[in-house]
Amino acid sequence: MTKGHRTYEDEVLSVLAFEFSVKDHSESERKLKRRLRDKKLGSYDEKRITSIREFKNDLQVELGKLNKSEFYTESKEKYADMSDWDVNGLLRHLKNRHPEVSESAIESFLPYAIYIYYLR
């Protein structure tokens, strides 16, 4: 995730990253409304949040496929590592599949997502 100046999408993804079920939506929405207001990043836009949530869910599912994912490369190490993924291929795929999400948000969230959903 981006350090320093955070964008609307960065802030939304930082909350959605830990949303693991539909039951978490109301809690996430409450947090998002407060954070967006407090950080003066704009108003809560349900359509925009839904697009970002779809991106996050798509990425989470892809990383959860592990060796069944076309972007998973054979692990060369004993332990899980960032290099187990074709990051550039996954970036291209996500940018094409989710054009409504900014490239910078996708690029900054992908390593964080690999850490959260794969390495941890």
N, C-alpha and C. Protein backbone atom coordinates (compact mmCIF):
# COMPACT_ATOMS: atom_id res chain seq x y z
N MET A 1 0.85 -1.17 0.00
CA MET A 1 0.00 0.00 0.00
C MET A 1 0.89 1.23 0.00
N THR A 2 0.32 2.29 -0.49
CA THR A 2 1.07 3.53 -0.64
C THR A 2 1.40 4.13 0.72
N LYS A 3 2.62 4.62 0.83
CA LYS A 3 3.01 5.34 2.05
C LYS A 3 2.92 6.82 1.74
N GLY A 4 2.68 7.62 2.74
CA GLY A 4 2.56 9.06 2.52
C GLY A 4 1.13 9.41 2.11
N HIS A 5 0.99 10.13 1.00
CA HIS A 5 -0.32 10.57 0.52
C HIS A 5 -1.15 9.37 0.07
N ARG A 6 -2.29 9.19 0.70
CA ARG A 6 -3.16 8.06 0.37
C ARG A 6 -4.34 8.56 -0.45
N THR A 7 -4.69 7.78 -1.45
CA THR A 7 -5.81 8.13 -2.31
C THR A 7 -7.09 7.50 -1.77
N TYR A 8 -8.19 7.87 -2.39
CA TYR A 8 -9.49 7.29 -2.06
C TYR A 8 -9.41 5.77 -2.14
N GLU A 9 -8.87 5.27 -3.26
CA GLU A 9 -8.79 3.82 -3.47
C GLU A 9 -7.87 3.14 -2.46
N ASP A 10 -6.76 3.77 -2.13
CA ASP A 10 -5.86 3.21 -1.13
C ASP A 10 -6.57 3.03 0.21
N GLU A 11 -7.31 4.04 0.59
CA GLU A 11 -8.01 4.01 1.88
C GLU A 11 -9.10 2.93 1.88
N VAL A 12 -9.83 2.85 0.77
CA VAL A 12 -10.88 1.84 0.66
C VAL A 12 -10.27 0.44 0.71
N LEU A 13 -9.21 0.21 -0.03
CA LEU A 13 -8.57 -1.11 -0.05
C LEU A 13 -7.98 -1.48 1.30
N SER A 14 -7.51 -0.50 2.07
CA SER A 14 -6.95 -0.81 3.38
C SER A 14 -8.03 -1.35 4.33
N VAL A 15 -9.27 -0.94 4.12
CA VAL A 15 -10.38 -1.46 4.92
C VAL A 15 -10.87 -2.79 4.34
N LEU A 16 -11.08 -2.82 3.03
CA LEU A 16 -11.62 -4.02 2.39
C LEU A 16 -10.67 -5.20 2.45
N ALA A 17 -9.39 -4.96 2.60
CA ALA A 17 -8.41 -6.05 2.64
C ALA A 17 -8.75 -7.08 3.71
N PHE A 18 -9.37 -6.65 4.78
CA PHE A 18 -9.69 -7.55 5.88
C PHE A 18 -11.18 -7.89 5.95
N GLU A 19 -11.86 -7.69 4.85
CA GLU A 19 -13.28 -8.05 4.75
C GLU A 19 -13.34 -9.43 4.11
N PHE A 20 -13.69 -10.43 4.90
CA PHE A 20 -13.63 -11.80 4.42
C PHE A 20 -15.00 -12.43 4.16
N SER A 21 -16.07 -11.77 4.55
CA SER A 21 -17.39 -12.31 4.26
C SER A 21 -18.40 -11.17 4.08
N VAL A 22 -19.54 -11.53 3.53
CA VAL A 22 -20.60 -10.54 3.30
C VAL A 22 -21.07 -9.93 4.61
N LYS A 23 -20.98 -10.69 5.70
CA LYS A 23 -21.38 -10.18 7.01
C LYS A 23 -20.54 -8.98 7.45
N ASP A 24 -19.34 -8.87 6.89
CA ASP A 24 -18.44 -7.77 7.26
C ASP A 24 -18.75 -6.47 6.53
N HIS A 25 -19.65 -6.49 5.53
CA HIS A 25 -19.92 -5.29 4.73
C HIS A 25 -20.39 -4.10 5.55
N SER A 26 -21.31 -4.31 6.47
CA SER A 26 -21.83 -3.17 7.22
C SER A 26 -20.74 -2.54 8.10
N GLU A 27 -19.89 -3.35 8.68
CA GLU A 27 -18.79 -2.83 9.49
C GLU A 27 -17.80 -2.07 8.60
N SER A 28 -17.51 -2.63 7.44
CA SER A 28 -16.60 -1.97 6.49
C SER A 28 -17.17 -0.64 6.03
N GLU A 29 -18.45 -0.60 5.73
CA GLU A 29 -19.09 0.63 5.28
C GLU A 29 -19.02 1.70 6.34
N ARG A 30 -19.24 1.33 7.58
CA ARG A 30 -19.14 2.28 8.69
C ARG A 30 -17.73 2.85 8.77
N LYS A 31 -16.73 1.98 8.71
CA LYS A 31 -15.33 2.42 8.77
C LYS A 31 -14.98 3.31 7.58
N LEU A 32 -15.43 2.90 6.40
CA LEU A 32 -15.11 3.67 5.20
C LEU A 32 -15.71 5.07 5.24
N LYS A 33 -16.94 5.17 5.64
CA LYS A 33 -17.59 6.49 5.70
C LYS A 33 -16.83 7.41 6.64
N ARG A 34 -16.43 6.88 7.77
CA ARG A 34 -15.70 7.68 8.75
C ARG A 34 -14.32 8.07 8.23
N ARG A 35 -13.58 7.10 7.70
CA ARG A 35 -12.22 7.39 7.22
C ARG A 35 -12.21 8.37 6.05
N LEU A 36 -13.12 8.17 5.11
CA LEU A 36 -13.17 9.07 3.95
C LEU A 36 -13.51 10.49 4.38
N ARG A 37 -14.43 10.61 5.32
CA ARG A 37 -14.81 11.92 5.84
C ARG A 37 -13.66 12.56 6.62
N ASP A 38 -13.07 11.80 7.54
CA ASP A 38 -12.00 12.33 8.38
C ASP A 38 -10.76 12.72 7.59
N LYS A 39 -10.46 11.98 6.55
CA LYS A 39 -9.27 12.26 5.75
C LYS A 39 -9.56 13.12 4.53
N LYS A 40 -10.82 13.57 4.45
CA LYS A 40 -11.25 14.48 3.37
C LYS A 40 -10.89 13.95 1.98
N LEU A 41 -11.20 12.66 1.77
CA LEU A 41 -10.89 12.02 0.49
C LEU A 41 -12.11 11.96 -0.43
N GLY A 42 -13.23 12.43 0.04
CA GLY A 42 -14.44 12.41 -0.77
C GLY A 42 -15.55 11.69 -0.02
N SER A 43 -16.73 11.74 -0.61
CA SER A 43 -17.87 11.11 0.03
C SER A 43 -17.92 9.62 -0.32
N TYR A 44 -18.68 8.90 0.46
CA TYR A 44 -18.86 7.47 0.25
C TYR A 44 -19.65 7.28 -1.04
N ASP A 45 -19.05 6.63 -2.02
CA ASP A 45 -19.67 6.39 -3.32
C ASP A 45 -19.86 4.88 -3.47
N GLU A 46 -21.09 4.43 -3.27
CA GLU A 46 -21.36 3.00 -3.24
C GLU A 46 -20.96 2.28 -4.53
N LYS A 47 -21.19 2.92 -5.66
CA LYS A 47 -20.83 2.29 -6.94
C LYS A 47 -19.30 2.12 -7.04
N ARG A 48 -18.58 3.14 -6.65
CA ARG A 48 -17.12 3.09 -6.69
C ARG A 48 -16.58 2.06 -5.70
N ILE A 49 -17.15 2.02 -4.51
CA ILE A 49 -16.73 1.05 -3.49
C ILE A 49 -17.01 -0.36 -3.99
N THR A 50 -18.14 -0.57 -4.63
CA THR A 50 -18.49 -1.89 -5.16
C THR A 50 -17.46 -2.33 -6.21
N SER A 51 -17.04 -1.42 -7.08
CA SER A 51 -16.02 -1.75 -8.09
C SER A 51 -14.70 -2.14 -7.43
N ILE A 52 -14.31 -1.39 -6.43
CA ILE A 52 -13.05 -1.68 -5.72
C ILE A 52 -13.18 -3.00 -4.96
N ARG A 53 -14.34 -3.26 -4.37
CA ARG A 53 -14.58 -4.52 -3.65
C ARG A 53 -14.50 -5.70 -4.63
N GLU A 54 -15.07 -5.55 -5.83
CA GLU A 54 -15.01 -6.62 -6.83
C GLU A 54 -13.56 -6.91 -7.23
N PHE A 55 -12.76 -5.86 -7.38
CA PHE A 55 -11.34 -6.04 -7.67
C PHE A 55 -10.65 -6.81 -6.55
N LYS A 56 -10.87 -6.38 -5.32
CA LYS A 56 -10.25 -7.04 -4.16
C LYS A 56 -10.67 -8.50 -4.07
N ASN A 57 -11.96 -8.77 -4.26
CA ASN A 57 -12.45 -10.14 -4.19
C ASN A 57 -11.86 -11.00 -5.30
N ASP A 58 -11.77 -10.45 -6.50
CA ASP A 58 -11.20 -11.17 -7.64
C ASP A 58 -9.74 -11.53 -7.34
N LEU A 59 -8.98 -10.59 -6.82
CA LEU A 59 -7.59 -10.83 -6.50
C LEU A 59 -7.47 -11.86 -5.38
N GLN A 60 -8.30 -11.76 -4.38
CA GLN A 60 -8.27 -12.70 -3.26
C GLN A 60 -8.57 -14.12 -3.73
N VAL A 61 -9.54 -14.27 -4.62
CA VAL A 61 -9.88 -15.58 -5.16
C VAL A 61 -8.70 -16.13 -5.99
N GLU A 62 -8.12 -15.28 -6.82
CA GLU A 62 -6.99 -15.72 -7.66
C GLU A 62 -5.82 -16.19 -6.81
N LEU A 63 -5.49 -15.45 -5.77
CA LEU A 63 -4.39 -15.85 -4.90
C LEU A 63 -4.73 -17.10 -4.11
N GLY A 64 -6.01 -17.30 -3.82
CA GLY A 64 -6.46 -18.48 -3.09
C GLY A 64 -6.40 -19.76 -3.91
N LYS A 65 -6.31 -19.62 -5.21
CA LYS A 65 -6.23 -20.81 -6.08
C LYS A 65 -4.87 -21.50 -5.96
N LEU A 66 -3.89 -20.76 -5.48
CA LEU A 66 -2.52 -21.26 -5.33
C LEU A 66 -2.02 -21.86 -6.63
N ASN A 67 -1.61 -23.14 -6.62
CA ASN A 67 -0.99 -23.73 -7.80
C ASN A 67 -1.97 -23.95 -8.96
N LYS A 68 -3.24 -23.72 -8.75
CA LYS A 68 -4.22 -23.81 -9.83
C LYS A 68 -4.37 -22.48 -10.59
N SER A 69 -3.76 -21.45 -10.08
CA SER A 69 -3.78 -20.14 -10.73
C SER A 69 -2.78 -20.12 -11.87
N GLU A 70 -3.17 -19.51 -12.98
CA GLU A 70 -2.24 -19.39 -14.10
C GLU A 70 -1.07 -18.47 -13.77
N PHE A 71 -1.18 -17.71 -12.70
CA PHE A 71 -0.13 -16.76 -12.32
C PHE A 71 0.79 -17.29 -11.22
N TYR A 72 0.50 -18.49 -10.76
CA TYR A 72 1.35 -19.11 -9.75
C TYR A 72 2.50 -19.82 -10.45
N THR A 73 3.72 -19.52 -10.04
CA THR A 73 4.88 -20.21 -10.59
C THR A 73 5.36 -21.21 -9.55
N GLU A 74 6.02 -22.22 -9.99
CA GLU A 74 6.53 -23.21 -9.05
C GLU A 74 7.43 -22.53 -8.03
N SER A 75 7.19 -22.84 -6.80
CA SER A 75 8.00 -22.26 -5.73
C SER A 75 9.43 -22.80 -5.82
N LYS A 76 10.37 -21.88 -5.79
CA LYS A 76 11.78 -22.26 -5.87
C LYS A 76 12.41 -22.34 -4.48
N GLU A 77 11.67 -21.92 -3.50
CA GLU A 77 12.17 -21.86 -2.13
C GLU A 77 11.44 -22.88 -1.26
N LYS A 78 11.98 -23.10 -0.09
CA LYS A 78 11.36 -24.00 0.87
C LYS A 78 10.07 -23.37 1.44
N TYR A 79 10.10 -22.04 1.59
CA TYR A 79 8.97 -21.33 2.17
C TYR A 79 8.29 -20.47 1.11
N ALA A 80 7.06 -20.10 1.38
CA ALA A 80 6.30 -19.22 0.47
C ALA A 80 7.07 -17.92 0.29
N ASP A 81 7.04 -17.42 -0.95
CA ASP A 81 7.79 -16.22 -1.28
C ASP A 81 7.02 -15.43 -2.33
N MET A 82 7.27 -14.14 -2.39
CA MET A 82 6.63 -13.27 -3.38
C MET A 82 6.93 -13.75 -4.80
N SER A 83 8.10 -14.33 -5.00
CA SER A 83 8.49 -14.79 -6.34
C SER A 83 7.70 -16.02 -6.80
N ASP A 84 6.83 -16.55 -5.95
CA ASP A 84 5.98 -17.68 -6.34
C ASP A 84 4.89 -17.24 -7.31
N TRP A 85 4.77 -15.94 -7.54
CA TRP A 85 3.72 -15.39 -8.39
C TRP A 85 4.31 -14.62 -9.56
N ASP A 86 3.66 -14.72 -10.71
CA ASP A 86 3.99 -13.90 -11.88
C ASP A 86 3.28 -12.57 -11.66
N VAL A 87 3.93 -11.69 -10.93
CA VAL A 87 3.33 -10.43 -10.52
C VAL A 87 2.98 -9.57 -11.73
N ASN A 88 3.87 -9.50 -12.72
CA ASN A 88 3.59 -8.68 -13.91
C ASN A 88 2.41 -9.22 -14.70
N GLY A 89 2.31 -10.52 -14.84
CA GLY A 89 1.17 -11.12 -15.53
C GLY A 89 -0.13 -10.87 -14.78
N LEU A 90 -0.08 -11.00 -13.48
CA LEU A 90 -1.26 -10.76 -12.64
C LEU A 90 -1.67 -9.30 -12.70
N LEU A 91 -0.70 -8.39 -12.71
CA LEU A 91 -0.99 -6.96 -12.85
C LEU A 91 -1.73 -6.68 -14.16
N ARG A 92 -1.20 -7.21 -15.27
CA ARG A 92 -1.85 -7.00 -16.57
C ARG A 92 -3.27 -7.54 -16.57
N HIS A 93 -3.44 -8.73 -16.03
CA HIS A 93 -4.75 -9.35 -15.95
C HIS A 93 -5.73 -8.49 -15.15
N LEU A 94 -5.31 -8.02 -14.00
CA LEU A 94 -6.18 -7.22 -13.14
C LEU A 94 -6.50 -5.87 -13.76
N LYS A 95 -5.53 -5.24 -14.40
CA LYS A 95 -5.76 -3.95 -15.05
C LYS A 95 -6.77 -4.10 -16.19
N ASN A 96 -6.68 -5.18 -16.94
CA ASN A 96 -7.63 -5.42 -18.03
C ASN A 96 -9.01 -5.76 -17.50
N ARG A 97 -9.07 -6.53 -16.44
CA ARG A 97 -10.35 -6.99 -15.89
C ARG A 97 -11.06 -5.90 -15.08
N HIS A 98 -10.29 -4.98 -14.51
CA HIS A 98 -10.86 -3.93 -13.64
C HIS A 98 -10.37 -2.55 -14.08
N PRO A 99 -10.78 -2.10 -15.26
CA PRO A 99 -10.31 -0.79 -15.74
C PRO A 99 -10.82 0.39 -14.91
N GLU A 100 -11.87 0.18 -14.13
CA GLU A 100 -12.43 1.25 -13.30
C GLU A 100 -11.58 1.52 -12.06
N VAL A 101 -10.66 0.63 -11.74
CA VAL A 101 -9.76 0.81 -10.60
C VAL A 101 -8.43 1.34 -11.17
N SER A 102 -7.90 2.38 -10.55
CA SER A 102 -6.69 3.00 -11.08
C SER A 102 -5.50 2.03 -11.08
N GLU A 103 -4.64 2.21 -12.06
CA GLU A 103 -3.45 1.37 -12.17
C GLU A 103 -2.58 1.50 -10.93
N SER A 104 -2.47 2.72 -10.42
CA SER A 104 -1.61 2.92 -9.24
C SER A 104 -2.17 2.17 -8.02
N ALA A 105 -3.49 2.11 -7.88
CA ALA A 105 -4.10 1.38 -6.76
C ALA A 105 -3.84 -0.12 -6.91
N ILE A 106 -3.98 -0.63 -8.13
CA ILE A 106 -3.73 -2.05 -8.38
C ILE A 106 -2.26 -2.38 -8.10
N GLU A 107 -1.36 -1.54 -8.61
CA GLU A 107 0.07 -1.78 -8.43
C GLU A 107 0.50 -1.71 -6.97
N SER A 108 -0.10 -0.82 -6.21
CA SER A 108 0.31 -0.71 -4.81
C SER A 108 -0.35 -1.77 -3.93
N PHE A 109 -1.56 -2.23 -4.31
CA PHE A 109 -2.26 -3.20 -3.48
C PHE A 109 -1.78 -4.63 -3.72
N LEU A 110 -1.33 -4.96 -4.92
CA LEU A 110 -0.97 -6.33 -5.24
C LEU A 110 0.07 -6.93 -4.30
N PRO A 111 1.21 -6.30 -4.05
CA PRO A 111 2.17 -6.91 -3.11
C PRO A 111 1.60 -7.08 -1.70
N TYR A 112 0.80 -6.12 -1.27
CA TYR A 112 0.16 -6.20 0.04
C TYR A 112 -0.81 -7.38 0.08
N ALA A 113 -1.57 -7.56 -0.99
CA ALA A 113 -2.53 -8.67 -1.07
C ALA A 113 -1.80 -10.02 -1.06
N ILE A 114 -0.69 -10.11 -1.78
CA ILE A 114 0.08 -11.36 -1.78
C ILE A 114 0.55 -11.66 -0.36
N TYR A 115 0.97 -10.63 0.34
CA TYR A 115 1.39 -10.82 1.73
C TYR A 115 0.22 -11.30 2.59
N ILE A 116 -0.91 -10.61 2.51
CA ILE A 116 -2.05 -10.94 3.37
C ILE A 116 -2.66 -12.30 3.05
N TYR A 117 -2.90 -12.56 1.77
CA TYR A 117 -3.66 -13.74 1.37
C TYR A 117 -2.81 -14.95 1.03
N TYR A 118 -1.49 -14.79 0.92
CA TYR A 118 -0.64 -15.92 0.55
C TYR A 118 0.50 -16.15 1.54
N LEU A 119 1.25 -15.13 1.84
CA LEU A 119 2.45 -15.31 2.65
C LEU A 119 2.16 -15.49 4.13
N ARG A 120 1.10 -14.89 4.62
CA ARG A 120 0.79 -14.95 6.05
C ARG A 120 0.22 -16.24 6.47
